[in-house]
Amino acid sequence: MPDRSLILSIIGEIKAEVLAKCLDLANGNILEFNRVPARKLGELDNRGSHFYLALYWAQELAKQNEDSDLKSKFEPIAKYLSENEKRIVAELAGAQGKPVDIGGYYLPDQTKLKAVMFITNLSALFDSAKSTSNSN
């Protein structure tokens, strides 16, 4: 089976190729810096590992020079996540070990779910992304 980046380059999907390449690099950073979920309470869990994937992917997209549109969109995201890394990880760690009621497993209550899944330190980033996408 050919490598996905080779397939993407053949069919001309430059953005997809850049996204795939940067995701590969981000996954490498997860392994290199040991940002994988731990088994003990208080250590990095799946949420933290996903945060680091988002951080490293945004950083790689901000560093690349193959697609200026992607670069300009991800530079502020990478900057925000990098500057707020400690606070975000601390907030994620603080949510561990406490049972929560989300109103059901398969069909959770959206209000309850939002209350426990909301990460305060990411709200400014999401609000900024929404306003940017609405203005385009």
N, C-alpha and C. Protein backbone atom coordinates (compact mmCIF):
# COMPACT_ATOMS: atom_id res chain seq x y z
N MET A 1 0.85 -1.19 0.00
CA MET A 1 0.00 0.00 0.00
C MET A 1 0.89 1.25 0.00
N PRO A 2 0.69 2.17 -0.94
CA PRO A 2 1.50 3.39 -0.98
C PRO A 2 1.24 4.28 0.23
N ASP A 3 2.22 5.07 0.57
CA ASP A 3 2.11 6.03 1.66
C ASP A 3 1.01 7.05 1.33
N ARG A 4 0.22 7.46 2.35
CA ARG A 4 -0.88 8.38 2.09
C ARG A 4 -0.41 9.72 1.55
N SER A 5 0.80 10.19 1.97
CA SER A 5 1.26 11.46 1.43
C SER A 5 1.58 11.38 -0.04
N LEU A 6 2.06 10.21 -0.49
CA LEU A 6 2.32 10.01 -1.91
C LEU A 6 1.01 10.07 -2.69
N ILE A 7 0.00 9.39 -2.19
CA ILE A 7 -1.32 9.41 -2.84
C ILE A 7 -1.86 10.83 -2.90
N LEU A 8 -1.78 11.55 -1.77
CA LEU A 8 -2.30 12.91 -1.73
C LEU A 8 -1.54 13.83 -2.68
N SER A 9 -0.22 13.65 -2.78
CA SER A 9 0.55 14.51 -3.69
C SER A 9 0.22 14.21 -5.15
N ILE A 10 -0.06 12.96 -5.45
CA ILE A 10 -0.41 12.59 -6.82
C ILE A 10 -1.74 13.21 -7.23
N ILE A 11 -2.70 13.20 -6.34
CA ILE A 11 -4.02 13.75 -6.70
C ILE A 11 -4.10 15.26 -6.49
N GLY A 12 -3.02 15.86 -5.98
CA GLY A 12 -2.96 17.32 -5.92
C GLY A 12 -3.61 17.96 -4.72
N GLU A 13 -3.80 17.25 -3.68
CA GLU A 13 -4.42 17.82 -2.49
C GLU A 13 -3.33 18.35 -1.56
N ILE A 14 -2.83 19.54 -1.86
CA ILE A 14 -1.71 20.11 -1.12
C ILE A 14 -2.05 20.32 0.35
N LYS A 15 -3.21 20.90 0.64
CA LYS A 15 -3.59 21.14 2.04
C LYS A 15 -3.67 19.83 2.80
N ALA A 16 -4.27 18.83 2.20
CA ALA A 16 -4.39 17.53 2.87
C ALA A 16 -3.01 16.92 3.10
N GLU A 17 -2.13 17.10 2.14
CA GLU A 17 -0.77 16.57 2.28
C GLU A 17 -0.04 17.28 3.42
N VAL A 18 -0.18 18.59 3.51
CA VAL A 18 0.46 19.36 4.57
C VAL A 18 -0.12 18.95 5.93
N LEU A 19 -1.44 18.83 5.99
CA LEU A 19 -2.08 18.40 7.24
C LEU A 19 -1.58 17.03 7.68
N ALA A 20 -1.49 16.10 6.72
CA ALA A 20 -1.04 14.73 7.04
C ALA A 20 0.42 14.73 7.50
N LYS A 21 1.26 15.48 6.81
CA LYS A 21 2.68 15.53 7.17
C LYS A 21 2.86 16.13 8.57
N CYS A 22 2.14 17.19 8.84
CA CYS A 22 2.26 17.84 10.15
C CYS A 22 1.67 16.96 11.25
N LEU A 23 0.63 16.21 10.95
CA LEU A 23 0.07 15.28 11.93
C LEU A 23 1.08 14.18 12.25
N ASP A 24 1.78 13.68 11.24
CA ASP A 24 2.83 12.68 11.47
C ASP A 24 3.90 13.24 12.40
N LEU A 25 4.32 14.47 12.15
CA LEU A 25 5.33 15.10 13.00
C LEU A 25 4.82 15.31 14.42
N ALA A 26 3.53 15.70 14.55
CA ALA A 26 2.94 15.89 15.87
C ALA A 26 2.89 14.58 16.64
N ASN A 27 2.53 13.50 15.96
CA ASN A 27 2.51 12.19 16.61
C ASN A 27 3.92 11.79 17.06
N GLY A 28 4.92 12.14 16.27
CA GLY A 28 6.30 11.89 16.67
C GLY A 28 6.66 12.64 17.94
N ASN A 29 6.18 13.88 18.05
CA ASN A 29 6.44 14.68 19.27
C ASN A 29 5.75 14.07 20.48
N ILE A 30 4.55 13.54 20.30
CA ILE A 30 3.84 12.88 21.40
C ILE A 30 4.73 11.76 21.97
N LEU A 31 5.30 10.97 21.07
CA LEU A 31 6.15 9.86 21.51
C LEU A 31 7.48 10.36 22.06
N GLU A 32 8.08 11.32 21.38
CA GLU A 32 9.39 11.82 21.81
C GLU A 32 9.35 12.46 23.20
N PHE A 33 8.27 13.19 23.48
CA PHE A 33 8.17 13.89 24.76
C PHE A 33 7.29 13.13 25.77
N ASN A 34 6.95 11.89 25.44
CA ASN A 34 6.19 11.00 26.33
C ASN A 34 4.89 11.64 26.82
N ARG A 35 4.11 12.14 25.88
CA ARG A 35 2.82 12.75 26.21
C ARG A 35 1.69 11.74 26.00
N VAL A 36 1.94 10.51 26.37
CA VAL A 36 0.95 9.45 26.24
C VAL A 36 0.19 9.31 27.56
N PRO A 37 -1.03 8.81 27.51
CA PRO A 37 -1.81 8.68 28.75
C PRO A 37 -1.12 7.75 29.76
N ALA A 38 -1.14 8.17 31.01
CA ALA A 38 -0.60 7.36 32.10
C ALA A 38 -1.74 6.62 32.79
N ARG A 39 -1.41 5.69 33.64
CA ARG A 39 -2.42 4.87 34.29
C ARG A 39 -2.82 5.39 35.67
N LYS A 40 -2.06 6.33 36.22
CA LYS A 40 -2.31 6.78 37.59
C LYS A 40 -3.07 8.10 37.61
N LEU A 41 -3.91 8.24 38.61
CA LEU A 41 -4.67 9.46 38.83
C LEU A 41 -3.69 10.62 39.07
N GLY A 42 -3.96 11.74 38.46
CA GLY A 42 -3.11 12.91 38.63
C GLY A 42 -2.05 13.04 37.56
N GLU A 43 -1.86 11.99 36.78
CA GLU A 43 -0.91 12.05 35.67
C GLU A 43 -1.67 12.32 34.39
N LEU A 44 -0.96 12.53 33.31
CA LEU A 44 -1.59 12.84 32.03
C LEU A 44 -2.56 11.73 31.63
N ASP A 45 -3.79 12.09 31.27
CA ASP A 45 -4.78 11.11 30.82
C ASP A 45 -5.07 11.33 29.34
N ASN A 46 -6.11 10.69 28.83
CA ASN A 46 -6.45 10.82 27.40
C ASN A 46 -6.71 12.27 27.00
N ARG A 47 -7.38 13.01 27.88
CA ARG A 47 -7.66 14.41 27.56
C ARG A 47 -6.36 15.20 27.39
N GLY A 48 -5.43 14.96 28.31
CA GLY A 48 -4.14 15.65 28.23
C GLY A 48 -3.36 15.25 27.00
N SER A 49 -3.40 13.98 26.67
CA SER A 49 -2.71 13.49 25.48
C SER A 49 -3.31 14.12 24.22
N HIS A 50 -4.62 14.27 24.19
CA HIS A 50 -5.27 14.92 23.05
C HIS A 50 -4.92 16.41 22.99
N PHE A 51 -4.80 17.03 24.15
CA PHE A 51 -4.36 18.43 24.16
C PHE A 51 -2.99 18.55 23.51
N TYR A 52 -2.08 17.66 23.89
CA TYR A 52 -0.74 17.73 23.33
C TYR A 52 -0.73 17.43 21.82
N LEU A 53 -1.61 16.56 21.38
CA LEU A 53 -1.71 16.33 19.93
C LEU A 53 -2.14 17.63 19.24
N ALA A 54 -3.13 18.31 19.79
CA ALA A 54 -3.58 19.58 19.21
C ALA A 54 -2.47 20.62 19.24
N LEU A 55 -1.75 20.70 20.36
CA LEU A 55 -0.65 21.67 20.49
C LEU A 55 0.44 21.38 19.46
N TYR A 56 0.92 20.14 19.42
CA TYR A 56 2.02 19.81 18.51
C TYR A 56 1.61 19.92 17.05
N TRP A 57 0.36 19.56 16.74
CA TRP A 57 -0.11 19.67 15.36
C TRP A 57 -0.18 21.15 14.95
N ALA A 58 -0.73 21.98 15.83
CA ALA A 58 -0.79 23.42 15.54
C ALA A 58 0.61 24.00 15.37
N GLN A 59 1.55 23.58 16.22
CA GLN A 59 2.92 24.07 16.10
C GLN A 59 3.55 23.68 14.77
N GLU A 60 3.35 22.44 14.37
CA GLU A 60 3.90 21.98 13.09
C GLU A 60 3.28 22.72 11.91
N LEU A 61 1.98 22.95 11.98
CA LEU A 61 1.31 23.68 10.90
C LEU A 61 1.77 25.13 10.86
N ALA A 62 2.06 25.71 12.01
CA ALA A 62 2.54 27.09 12.07
C ALA A 62 3.98 27.20 11.57
N LYS A 63 4.77 26.14 11.71
CA LYS A 63 6.18 26.16 11.27
C LYS A 63 6.35 25.90 9.78
N GLN A 64 5.44 25.15 9.18
CA GLN A 64 5.63 24.75 7.78
C GLN A 64 5.49 25.94 6.85
N ASN A 65 6.09 25.82 5.67
CA ASN A 65 6.05 26.90 4.68
C ASN A 65 5.47 26.45 3.34
N GLU A 66 4.79 25.31 3.33
CA GLU A 66 4.23 24.80 2.08
C GLU A 66 2.86 25.38 1.76
N ASP A 67 2.13 25.79 2.79
CA ASP A 67 0.78 26.34 2.60
C ASP A 67 0.64 27.56 3.51
N SER A 68 0.72 28.74 2.93
CA SER A 68 0.69 29.97 3.73
C SER A 68 -0.65 30.21 4.40
N ASP A 69 -1.74 29.73 3.77
CA ASP A 69 -3.06 29.87 4.36
C ASP A 69 -3.16 29.08 5.67
N LEU A 70 -2.73 27.82 5.63
CA LEU A 70 -2.74 27.00 6.85
C LEU A 70 -1.81 27.60 7.90
N LYS A 71 -0.65 28.05 7.46
CA LYS A 71 0.33 28.63 8.38
C LYS A 71 -0.28 29.82 9.12
N SER A 72 -0.92 30.73 8.38
CA SER A 72 -1.48 31.92 9.02
C SER A 72 -2.65 31.59 9.94
N LYS A 73 -3.40 30.55 9.64
CA LYS A 73 -4.52 30.16 10.50
C LYS A 73 -4.04 29.49 11.78
N PHE A 74 -2.93 28.76 11.70
CA PHE A 74 -2.50 28.00 12.87
C PHE A 74 -1.45 28.70 13.72
N GLU A 75 -0.85 29.77 13.23
CA GLU A 75 0.12 30.51 14.05
C GLU A 75 -0.50 31.02 15.34
N PRO A 76 -1.67 31.69 15.29
CA PRO A 76 -2.24 32.17 16.56
C PRO A 76 -2.72 31.04 17.47
N ILE A 77 -3.17 29.93 16.89
CA ILE A 77 -3.60 28.79 17.69
C ILE A 77 -2.41 28.17 18.40
N ALA A 78 -1.31 27.97 17.67
CA ALA A 78 -0.10 27.40 18.27
C ALA A 78 0.43 28.32 19.37
N LYS A 79 0.40 29.61 19.12
CA LYS A 79 0.87 30.58 20.12
C LYS A 79 0.02 30.51 21.38
N TYR A 80 -1.30 30.51 21.22
CA TYR A 80 -2.20 30.47 22.37
C TYR A 80 -2.01 29.18 23.17
N LEU A 81 -2.00 28.05 22.48
CA LEU A 81 -1.86 26.77 23.18
C LEU A 81 -0.51 26.68 23.90
N SER A 82 0.54 27.15 23.26
CA SER A 82 1.88 27.13 23.87
C SER A 82 1.93 28.01 25.12
N GLU A 83 1.39 29.21 25.00
CA GLU A 83 1.41 30.15 26.13
C GLU A 83 0.56 29.68 27.30
N ASN A 84 -0.48 28.91 27.03
CA ASN A 84 -1.41 28.48 28.07
C ASN A 84 -1.29 27.00 28.43
N GLU A 85 -0.25 26.35 27.96
CA GLU A 85 -0.06 24.91 28.16
C GLU A 85 -0.20 24.50 29.62
N LYS A 86 0.53 25.15 30.50
CA LYS A 86 0.52 24.74 31.92
C LYS A 86 -0.86 24.90 32.54
N ARG A 87 -1.54 25.98 32.24
CA ARG A 87 -2.88 26.20 32.81
C ARG A 87 -3.89 25.19 32.27
N ILE A 88 -3.81 24.90 30.97
CA ILE A 88 -4.75 23.95 30.37
C ILE A 88 -4.52 22.55 30.93
N VAL A 89 -3.27 22.12 31.00
CA VAL A 89 -2.96 20.79 31.53
C VAL A 89 -3.37 20.70 33.00
N ALA A 90 -3.15 21.76 33.77
CA ALA A 90 -3.55 21.76 35.18
C ALA A 90 -5.08 21.65 35.30
N GLU A 91 -5.80 22.35 34.44
CA GLU A 91 -7.27 22.27 34.49
C GLU A 91 -7.74 20.86 34.13
N LEU A 92 -7.12 20.26 33.14
CA LEU A 92 -7.48 18.89 32.76
C LEU A 92 -7.17 17.92 33.90
N ALA A 93 -6.02 18.08 34.54
CA ALA A 93 -5.64 17.20 35.66
C ALA A 93 -6.58 17.40 36.85
N GLY A 94 -7.04 18.63 37.06
CA GLY A 94 -7.94 18.92 38.17
C GLY A 94 -9.31 18.28 38.01
N ALA A 95 -9.65 17.89 36.80
CA ALA A 95 -10.96 17.27 36.56
C ALA A 95 -10.95 15.76 36.80
N GLN A 96 -9.78 15.20 37.06
CA GLN A 96 -9.66 13.75 37.23
C GLN A 96 -10.18 13.28 38.58
N GLY A 97 -10.68 12.06 38.59
CA GLY A 97 -11.01 11.38 39.85
C GLY A 97 -12.32 11.75 40.50
N LYS A 98 -13.11 12.58 39.85
CA LYS A 98 -14.39 12.99 40.43
C LYS A 98 -15.52 12.47 39.55
N PRO A 99 -16.40 11.64 40.13
CA PRO A 99 -17.54 11.17 39.31
C PRO A 99 -18.45 12.34 38.94
N VAL A 100 -19.00 12.28 37.74
CA VAL A 100 -19.90 13.34 37.27
C VAL A 100 -21.16 12.72 36.68
N ASP A 101 -22.24 13.46 36.79
CA ASP A 101 -23.51 13.03 36.21
C ASP A 101 -23.69 13.77 34.90
N ILE A 102 -23.72 13.02 33.79
CA ILE A 102 -23.94 13.64 32.49
C ILE A 102 -25.31 13.28 31.92
N GLY A 103 -26.14 12.66 32.74
CA GLY A 103 -27.51 12.39 32.35
C GLY A 103 -27.70 11.21 31.42
N GLY A 104 -26.75 10.32 31.39
CA GLY A 104 -26.89 9.13 30.54
C GLY A 104 -25.61 8.85 29.77
N TYR A 105 -25.45 7.60 29.40
CA TYR A 105 -24.23 7.19 28.71
C TYR A 105 -24.36 7.38 27.20
N TYR A 106 -25.41 6.83 26.61
CA TYR A 106 -25.56 6.89 25.15
C TYR A 106 -26.15 8.21 24.67
N LEU A 107 -27.04 8.76 25.45
CA LEU A 107 -27.65 10.05 25.10
C LEU A 107 -27.52 11.00 26.28
N PRO A 108 -26.33 11.54 26.49
CA PRO A 108 -26.15 12.43 27.65
C PRO A 108 -26.92 13.73 27.50
N ASP A 109 -27.25 14.31 28.62
CA ASP A 109 -27.89 15.61 28.66
C ASP A 109 -26.84 16.65 28.22
N GLN A 110 -27.12 17.40 27.18
CA GLN A 110 -26.14 18.32 26.60
C GLN A 110 -25.71 19.42 27.58
N THR A 111 -26.62 19.90 28.39
CA THR A 111 -26.28 20.95 29.35
C THR A 111 -25.32 20.40 30.41
N LYS A 112 -25.63 19.21 30.94
CA LYS A 112 -24.74 18.59 31.93
C LYS A 112 -23.39 18.25 31.32
N LEU A 113 -23.41 17.75 30.10
CA LEU A 113 -22.18 17.37 29.42
C LEU A 113 -21.28 18.59 29.20
N LYS A 114 -21.87 19.68 28.73
CA LYS A 114 -21.10 20.91 28.50
C LYS A 114 -20.50 21.44 29.79
N ALA A 115 -21.24 21.32 30.89
CA ALA A 115 -20.75 21.82 32.18
C ALA A 115 -19.49 21.09 32.64
N VAL A 116 -19.38 19.79 32.36
CA VAL A 116 -18.20 19.04 32.82
C VAL A 116 -17.10 18.97 31.77
N MET A 117 -17.43 19.17 30.51
CA MET A 117 -16.43 19.07 29.45
C MET A 117 -15.80 20.42 29.10
N PHE A 118 -16.38 21.49 29.58
CA PHE A 118 -15.91 22.83 29.24
C PHE A 118 -14.56 23.10 29.89
N ILE A 119 -13.59 23.53 29.10
CA ILE A 119 -12.26 23.87 29.60
C ILE A 119 -12.13 25.38 29.54
N THR A 120 -12.11 26.01 30.69
CA THR A 120 -12.09 27.46 30.79
C THR A 120 -10.98 28.08 29.98
N ASN A 121 -9.78 27.50 30.07
CA ASN A 121 -8.62 28.10 29.41
C ASN A 121 -8.63 27.96 27.90
N LEU A 122 -9.57 27.21 27.34
CA LEU A 122 -9.67 27.09 25.89
C LEU A 122 -10.80 27.94 25.32
N SER A 123 -11.64 28.49 26.17
CA SER A 123 -12.81 29.22 25.67
C SER A 123 -12.43 30.42 24.82
N ALA A 124 -11.39 31.14 25.19
CA ALA A 124 -10.96 32.31 24.40
C ALA A 124 -10.50 31.88 23.01
N LEU A 125 -9.81 30.75 22.95
CA LEU A 125 -9.35 30.24 21.66
C LEU A 125 -10.54 29.88 20.77
N PHE A 126 -11.53 29.18 21.33
CA PHE A 126 -12.70 28.79 20.55
C PHE A 126 -13.50 30.01 20.10
N ASP A 127 -13.66 30.98 21.00
CA ASP A 127 -14.39 32.20 20.64
C ASP A 127 -13.68 32.94 19.50
N SER A 128 -12.36 32.98 19.56
CA SER A 128 -11.58 33.64 18.52
C SER A 128 -11.72 32.92 17.19
N ALA A 129 -11.67 31.58 17.23
CA ALA A 129 -11.81 30.80 16.01
C ALA A 129 -13.19 30.97 15.40
N LYS A 130 -14.22 31.04 16.24
CA LYS A 130 -15.59 31.24 15.73
C LYS A 130 -15.72 32.59 15.05
N SER A 131 -15.19 33.63 15.67
CA SER A 131 -15.32 34.97 15.07
C SER A 131 -14.53 35.09 13.77
N THR A 132 -13.37 34.41 13.70
CA THR A 132 -12.58 34.41 12.47
C THR A 132 -13.30 33.70 11.35
N SER A 133 -13.89 32.53 11.66
CA SER A 133 -14.58 31.78 10.61
C SER A 133 -15.87 32.46 10.17
N ASN A 134 -16.52 33.19 11.07
CA ASN A 134 -17.74 33.90 10.71
C ASN A 134 -17.45 35.13 9.84
N SER A 135 -16.24 35.68 9.96
CA SER A 135 -15.92 36.87 9.18
C SER A 135 -15.44 36.51 7.76
N ASN A 136 -15.13 35.22 7.51
CA ASN A 136 -14.66 34.82 6.18
C ASN A 136 -15.77 34.45 5.26
